[in-house]
N, C-alpha and C. Protein backbone atom coordinates (compact mmCIF):
# COMPACT_ATOMS: atom_id res chain seq x y z
N MET A 1 13.95 -34.74 35.45
CA MET A 1 14.27 -35.10 36.82
C MET A 1 13.37 -34.39 37.82
N ASP A 2 12.79 -33.26 37.42
CA ASP A 2 11.88 -32.55 38.32
C ASP A 2 10.68 -33.42 38.67
N VAL A 3 10.17 -34.15 37.68
CA VAL A 3 9.00 -35.00 37.92
C VAL A 3 9.37 -36.14 38.87
N LEU A 4 10.51 -36.75 38.68
CA LEU A 4 10.93 -37.84 39.57
C LEU A 4 11.10 -37.33 40.99
N LEU A 5 11.75 -36.22 41.16
CA LEU A 5 11.91 -35.64 42.49
C LEU A 5 10.54 -35.31 43.10
N GLY A 6 9.64 -34.78 42.29
CA GLY A 6 8.29 -34.49 42.76
C GLY A 6 7.54 -35.73 43.20
N LEU A 7 7.69 -36.83 42.46
CA LEU A 7 7.02 -38.07 42.82
C LEU A 7 7.57 -38.64 44.13
N VAL A 8 8.87 -38.60 44.29
CA VAL A 8 9.49 -39.11 45.53
C VAL A 8 9.09 -38.22 46.71
N ALA A 9 9.15 -36.92 46.52
CA ALA A 9 8.74 -35.99 47.59
C ALA A 9 7.27 -36.18 47.94
N SER A 10 6.44 -36.34 46.93
CA SER A 10 5.01 -36.56 47.16
C SER A 10 4.79 -37.82 48.00
N HIS A 11 5.55 -38.87 47.69
CA HIS A 11 5.42 -40.10 48.47
C HIS A 11 5.71 -39.84 49.95
N PHE A 12 6.82 -39.18 50.23
CA PHE A 12 7.19 -38.96 51.63
C PHE A 12 6.21 -38.02 52.34
N VAL A 13 5.74 -37.00 51.65
CA VAL A 13 4.75 -36.09 52.26
C VAL A 13 3.46 -36.84 52.57
N CYS A 14 2.98 -37.64 51.61
CA CYS A 14 1.72 -38.36 51.81
C CYS A 14 1.84 -39.50 52.83
N ASP A 15 2.98 -40.19 52.84
CA ASP A 15 3.13 -41.35 53.72
C ASP A 15 3.54 -40.98 55.14
N TYR A 16 4.15 -39.83 55.32
CA TYR A 16 4.63 -39.45 56.65
C TYR A 16 3.94 -38.20 57.19
N THR A 17 4.00 -37.12 56.45
CA THR A 17 3.45 -35.86 56.95
C THR A 17 1.93 -35.87 57.01
N LEU A 18 1.28 -36.36 55.95
CA LEU A 18 -0.17 -36.30 55.88
C LEU A 18 -0.89 -37.51 56.47
N GLN A 19 -0.18 -38.60 56.71
CA GLN A 19 -0.83 -39.79 57.27
C GLN A 19 -0.81 -39.72 58.79
N SER A 20 -2.00 -39.68 59.36
CA SER A 20 -2.09 -39.62 60.82
C SER A 20 -1.91 -41.01 61.43
N GLU A 21 -1.69 -41.03 62.71
CA GLU A 21 -1.61 -42.30 63.43
C GLU A 21 -2.93 -43.06 63.30
N TRP A 22 -4.05 -42.34 63.33
CA TRP A 22 -5.36 -42.96 63.18
C TRP A 22 -5.47 -43.65 61.82
N THR A 23 -5.04 -42.98 60.76
CA THR A 23 -5.08 -43.57 59.42
C THR A 23 -4.17 -44.78 59.34
N ALA A 24 -2.96 -44.65 59.84
CA ALA A 24 -2.00 -45.76 59.79
C ALA A 24 -2.57 -47.00 60.48
N ARG A 25 -3.27 -46.81 61.56
CA ARG A 25 -3.84 -47.93 62.31
C ARG A 25 -5.11 -48.47 61.65
N ASN A 26 -5.97 -47.59 61.23
CA ASN A 26 -7.30 -48.01 60.76
C ASN A 26 -7.36 -48.40 59.29
N LYS A 27 -6.25 -48.28 58.56
CA LYS A 27 -6.24 -48.78 57.18
C LYS A 27 -5.93 -50.27 57.13
N SER A 28 -5.72 -50.86 58.28
CA SER A 28 -5.33 -52.26 58.37
C SER A 28 -6.47 -53.14 58.88
N PRO A 29 -6.72 -54.28 58.23
CA PRO A 29 -7.75 -55.20 58.75
C PRO A 29 -7.32 -55.86 60.06
N ARG A 30 -6.06 -55.76 60.42
CA ARG A 30 -5.57 -56.38 61.65
C ARG A 30 -6.18 -55.77 62.90
N TYR A 31 -6.66 -54.53 62.81
CA TYR A 31 -7.20 -53.87 63.98
C TYR A 31 -8.69 -54.13 64.17
N GLY A 32 -9.27 -54.93 63.31
CA GLY A 32 -10.65 -55.39 63.51
C GLY A 32 -11.74 -54.38 63.23
N THR A 33 -11.41 -53.26 62.66
CA THR A 33 -12.43 -52.28 62.34
C THR A 33 -13.00 -52.56 60.95
N ARG A 34 -14.28 -52.33 60.80
CA ARG A 34 -14.92 -52.60 59.51
C ARG A 34 -14.72 -51.49 58.50
N ILE A 35 -14.12 -50.39 58.91
CA ILE A 35 -13.93 -49.26 57.99
C ILE A 35 -12.58 -49.30 57.29
N TRP A 36 -11.75 -50.31 57.55
CA TRP A 36 -10.40 -50.32 57.00
C TRP A 36 -10.34 -50.17 55.49
N PRO A 37 -11.26 -50.77 54.70
CA PRO A 37 -11.14 -50.56 53.24
C PRO A 37 -11.31 -49.09 52.83
N TRP A 38 -12.18 -48.39 53.52
CA TRP A 38 -12.41 -46.98 53.21
C TRP A 38 -11.19 -46.13 53.60
N VAL A 39 -10.62 -46.44 54.74
CA VAL A 39 -9.45 -45.69 55.20
C VAL A 39 -8.26 -45.95 54.27
N LEU A 40 -8.09 -47.21 53.87
CA LEU A 40 -7.02 -47.55 52.94
C LEU A 40 -7.21 -46.83 51.61
N CYS A 41 -8.43 -46.79 51.11
CA CYS A 41 -8.71 -46.09 49.85
C CYS A 41 -8.47 -44.59 49.98
N ALA A 42 -8.85 -44.02 51.12
CA ALA A 42 -8.62 -42.58 51.33
C ALA A 42 -7.12 -42.27 51.35
N HIS A 43 -6.35 -43.14 52.00
CA HIS A 43 -4.90 -42.95 52.03
C HIS A 43 -4.31 -43.09 50.62
N ALA A 44 -4.72 -44.10 49.88
CA ALA A 44 -4.23 -44.30 48.52
C ALA A 44 -4.64 -43.14 47.62
N MET A 45 -5.82 -42.58 47.85
CA MET A 45 -6.28 -41.43 47.06
C MET A 45 -5.43 -40.20 47.33
N THR A 46 -4.95 -40.05 48.56
CA THR A 46 -4.04 -38.95 48.87
C THR A 46 -2.78 -39.06 48.01
N HIS A 47 -2.26 -40.28 47.90
CA HIS A 47 -1.09 -40.51 47.05
C HIS A 47 -1.41 -40.26 45.58
N ALA A 48 -2.58 -40.69 45.14
CA ALA A 48 -2.99 -40.46 43.75
C ALA A 48 -3.09 -38.97 43.47
N ALA A 49 -3.61 -38.21 44.41
CA ALA A 49 -3.72 -36.76 44.23
C ALA A 49 -2.34 -36.13 44.12
N GLY A 50 -1.41 -36.56 44.96
CA GLY A 50 -0.05 -36.05 44.88
C GLY A 50 0.59 -36.37 43.54
N THR A 51 0.36 -37.58 43.07
CA THR A 51 0.91 -37.98 41.77
C THR A 51 0.29 -37.16 40.65
N TYR A 52 -1.00 -36.89 40.74
CA TYR A 52 -1.64 -36.08 39.71
C TYR A 52 -1.09 -34.65 39.71
N VAL A 53 -0.88 -34.08 40.89
CA VAL A 53 -0.33 -32.73 40.98
C VAL A 53 1.04 -32.66 40.30
N VAL A 54 1.84 -33.70 40.49
CA VAL A 54 3.20 -33.71 39.93
C VAL A 54 3.19 -34.00 38.43
N THR A 55 2.39 -34.99 38.00
CA THR A 55 2.45 -35.45 36.60
C THR A 55 1.38 -34.85 35.71
N ARG A 56 0.28 -34.37 36.29
CA ARG A 56 -0.89 -33.91 35.53
C ARG A 56 -1.43 -35.01 34.63
N SER A 57 -1.32 -36.24 35.10
CA SER A 57 -1.75 -37.41 34.33
C SER A 57 -2.72 -38.25 35.14
N ILE A 58 -3.94 -38.40 34.62
CA ILE A 58 -4.93 -39.25 35.30
C ILE A 58 -4.48 -40.71 35.29
N PRO A 59 -3.97 -41.25 34.16
CA PRO A 59 -3.51 -42.64 34.20
C PRO A 59 -2.40 -42.87 35.24
N CYS A 60 -1.49 -41.93 35.39
CA CYS A 60 -0.44 -42.07 36.41
C CYS A 60 -1.05 -42.03 37.82
N ALA A 61 -2.01 -41.16 38.03
CA ALA A 61 -2.67 -41.07 39.33
C ALA A 61 -3.44 -42.36 39.65
N VAL A 62 -4.12 -42.92 38.66
CA VAL A 62 -4.84 -44.18 38.86
C VAL A 62 -3.86 -45.31 39.16
N ALA A 63 -2.76 -45.35 38.43
CA ALA A 63 -1.74 -46.38 38.68
C ALA A 63 -1.20 -46.25 40.11
N GLN A 64 -0.97 -45.02 40.55
CA GLN A 64 -0.48 -44.80 41.91
C GLN A 64 -1.51 -45.24 42.94
N PHE A 65 -2.77 -44.92 42.70
CA PHE A 65 -3.84 -45.33 43.63
C PHE A 65 -3.86 -46.85 43.79
N VAL A 66 -3.89 -47.56 42.67
CA VAL A 66 -3.96 -49.02 42.71
C VAL A 66 -2.71 -49.60 43.37
N ALA A 67 -1.55 -49.15 42.92
CA ALA A 67 -0.29 -49.68 43.46
C ALA A 67 -0.18 -49.42 44.95
N HIS A 68 -0.50 -48.20 45.38
CA HIS A 68 -0.35 -47.88 46.80
C HIS A 68 -1.31 -48.69 47.65
N ALA A 69 -2.54 -48.84 47.18
CA ALA A 69 -3.52 -49.62 47.94
C ALA A 69 -3.09 -51.09 48.05
N VAL A 70 -2.63 -51.66 46.95
CA VAL A 70 -2.22 -53.07 46.96
C VAL A 70 -0.98 -53.27 47.85
N ILE A 71 -0.01 -52.39 47.73
CA ILE A 71 1.20 -52.51 48.55
C ILE A 71 0.87 -52.36 50.03
N ASP A 72 0.09 -51.34 50.38
CA ASP A 72 -0.24 -51.15 51.79
C ASP A 72 -1.10 -52.28 52.34
N ALA A 73 -2.00 -52.81 51.52
CA ALA A 73 -2.80 -53.95 51.97
C ALA A 73 -1.89 -55.15 52.26
N GLY A 74 -0.90 -55.37 51.40
CA GLY A 74 0.05 -56.47 51.64
C GLY A 74 0.81 -56.29 52.93
N LYS A 75 1.27 -55.07 53.16
CA LYS A 75 2.01 -54.80 54.40
C LYS A 75 1.09 -54.95 55.61
N CYS A 76 -0.11 -54.40 55.53
CA CYS A 76 -1.03 -54.47 56.66
C CYS A 76 -1.47 -55.89 56.98
N CYS A 77 -1.47 -56.75 55.98
CA CYS A 77 -1.83 -58.16 56.20
C CYS A 77 -0.64 -59.01 56.60
N GLY A 78 0.52 -58.40 56.73
CA GLY A 78 1.70 -59.12 57.19
C GLY A 78 2.46 -59.89 56.13
N LEU A 79 2.20 -59.60 54.85
CA LEU A 79 2.91 -60.31 53.79
C LEU A 79 4.37 -59.87 53.69
N PHE A 80 4.67 -58.64 54.11
CA PHE A 80 6.03 -58.12 54.13
C PHE A 80 6.07 -56.98 55.11
N GLY A 81 7.27 -56.51 55.39
CA GLY A 81 7.46 -55.49 56.41
C GLY A 81 7.56 -54.08 55.87
N PHE A 82 7.83 -53.18 56.80
CA PHE A 82 7.88 -51.74 56.52
C PHE A 82 8.92 -51.38 55.47
N HIS A 83 10.12 -51.89 55.59
CA HIS A 83 11.20 -51.49 54.67
C HIS A 83 10.92 -51.94 53.24
N PHE A 84 10.41 -53.16 53.08
CA PHE A 84 10.05 -53.63 51.74
C PHE A 84 8.91 -52.81 51.18
N ASP A 85 7.95 -52.46 52.03
CA ASP A 85 6.83 -51.59 51.65
C ASP A 85 7.35 -50.28 51.07
N GLN A 86 8.29 -49.65 51.76
CA GLN A 86 8.84 -48.37 51.30
C GLN A 86 9.61 -48.54 50.00
N CYS A 87 10.36 -49.62 49.87
CA CYS A 87 11.08 -49.88 48.61
C CYS A 87 10.12 -50.05 47.45
N LEU A 88 9.02 -50.75 47.67
CA LEU A 88 8.02 -50.92 46.61
C LEU A 88 7.39 -49.59 46.22
N HIS A 89 7.09 -48.74 47.19
CA HIS A 89 6.51 -47.43 46.89
C HIS A 89 7.47 -46.58 46.07
N LEU A 90 8.76 -46.61 46.43
CA LEU A 90 9.73 -45.82 45.67
C LEU A 90 9.94 -46.41 44.27
N LEU A 91 9.89 -47.72 44.16
CA LEU A 91 9.96 -48.36 42.84
C LEU A 91 8.79 -47.89 41.97
N CYS A 92 7.62 -47.79 42.56
CA CYS A 92 6.46 -47.29 41.81
C CYS A 92 6.69 -45.86 41.32
N ALA A 93 7.29 -45.02 42.16
CA ALA A 93 7.59 -43.65 41.73
C ALA A 93 8.51 -43.66 40.51
N PHE A 94 9.53 -44.52 40.54
CA PHE A 94 10.45 -44.62 39.39
C PHE A 94 9.74 -45.15 38.16
N LEU A 95 8.86 -46.14 38.33
CA LEU A 95 8.13 -46.70 37.19
C LEU A 95 7.16 -45.69 36.60
N ILE A 96 6.46 -44.97 37.46
CA ILE A 96 5.53 -43.94 36.96
C ILE A 96 6.32 -42.87 36.21
N PHE A 97 7.47 -42.50 36.73
CA PHE A 97 8.32 -41.53 36.04
C PHE A 97 8.76 -42.08 34.68
N ALA A 98 9.25 -43.33 34.66
CA ALA A 98 9.79 -43.92 33.44
C ALA A 98 8.72 -44.14 32.38
N VAL A 99 7.57 -44.63 32.79
CA VAL A 99 6.51 -44.98 31.84
C VAL A 99 5.58 -43.79 31.60
N GLY A 100 5.24 -43.10 32.67
CA GLY A 100 4.26 -42.01 32.57
C GLY A 100 4.77 -40.76 31.91
N THR A 101 6.09 -40.56 31.91
CA THR A 101 6.62 -39.34 31.30
C THR A 101 7.39 -39.62 30.02
N ALA A 102 7.31 -40.86 29.54
CA ALA A 102 8.02 -41.21 28.29
C ALA A 102 7.36 -40.47 27.12
N PRO A 103 8.17 -40.02 26.15
CA PRO A 103 7.60 -39.30 25.00
C PRO A 103 6.76 -40.19 24.11
């Protein structure tokens, strides 16, 4: 359970405490900036780093990077809203815990 708590805490720290207003705005193609893919990748990498610190697993960190980037891109493009975005991120934490820490 320590790993699951760490993954959930890492999500909230990376998505709220460490994400600046500039990052939140510029990771989206809606704002018309050409740097949005780089900003989105940097934000997803922050989540991957948090996942690696908690799990010590490169495959789990890579899965988190891909999942977070895809989910945030969907939200930023208007495919779904904030609450669904957060539910998907927490689902990923549970899946990484279930699959990544299985014996």
